[in-house]
Structure formats: structure tokens, C-alpha cells
Amino acid sequence: MGTIFVAAIVAAAAGLAVRSIYKDKKAGKGCNGNCGNCKGCH
């Protein structure tokens, strides 16, 4: 029972992370495609 509970918490956290990334990408935040000047894209 504990394993299912932990798996649900991990799945919820992953879902929230993906949702946040999707919203940021849709809003134009994040990588701008200019990887030569961006340390985060490499």
C-alpha cells in the first residue's frame, strides 16, 4: 500500500513539472534557440 502511495506522489510531481514546462514553453519562456549564447541549452 505504501508503494502505491509513493508512486502516486511521484507521478503527481512529475505531472506538475511537465505541466510547468509546457506552460513556460507556450508562454515563450525558456530556451530561445540561440544555444551559442545559452549555457542551459548544452
Protein backbone atom coordinates (compact mmCIF):
# COMPACT_ATOMS: atom_id res chain seq x y z
CA MET A 1 0.00 0.00 0.00
CA GLY A 2 2.87 2.37 0.79
CA THR A 3 4.44 1.75 -2.60
CA ILE A 4 1.25 2.80 -4.37
CA PHE A 5 1.06 5.95 -2.25
CA VAL A 6 4.67 6.91 -3.02
CA ALA A 7 4.18 6.14 -6.73
CA ALA A 8 1.12 8.41 -6.79
CA ILE A 9 3.09 11.25 -5.19
CA VAL A 10 5.97 10.81 -7.67
CA ALA A 11 3.55 10.69 -10.61
CA ALA A 12 1.80 13.85 -9.40
CA ALA A 13 5.12 15.68 -9.01
CA ALA A 14 6.23 14.61 -12.49
CA GLY A 15 2.89 15.71 -13.93
CA LEU A 16 3.20 19.14 -12.31
CA ALA A 17 6.75 19.51 -13.64
CA VAL A 18 5.69 18.63 -17.19
CA ARG A 19 2.74 21.00 -16.92
CA SER A 20 5.02 23.82 -15.77
CA ILE A 21 7.48 23.21 -18.61
CA TYR A 22 4.64 23.12 -21.14
CA LYS A 23 3.16 26.39 -19.86
CA ASP A 24 6.57 28.10 -19.91
CA LYS A 25 7.26 26.90 -23.43
CA LYS A 26 3.83 28.07 -24.62
CA ALA A 27 4.41 31.48 -23.00
CA GLY A 28 7.77 31.83 -24.81
CA LYS A 29 9.93 31.38 -21.73
CA GLY A 30 12.96 29.13 -21.62
CA CYS A 31 15.33 28.36 -24.46
CA ASN A 32 15.18 30.86 -27.30
CA GLY A 33 17.04 28.63 -29.77
CA ASN A 34 20.25 30.67 -29.56
CA CYS A 35 22.32 27.91 -27.99
CA GLY A 36 25.62 29.63 -28.75
CA ASN A 37 24.88 32.20 -26.04
CA CYS A 38 22.97 29.93 -23.67
CA LYS A 39 24.62 27.73 -21.04
CA GLY A 40 21.34 25.90 -20.36
CA CYS A 41 20.87 24.53 -23.87
CA HIS A 42 24.04 22.47 -23.99
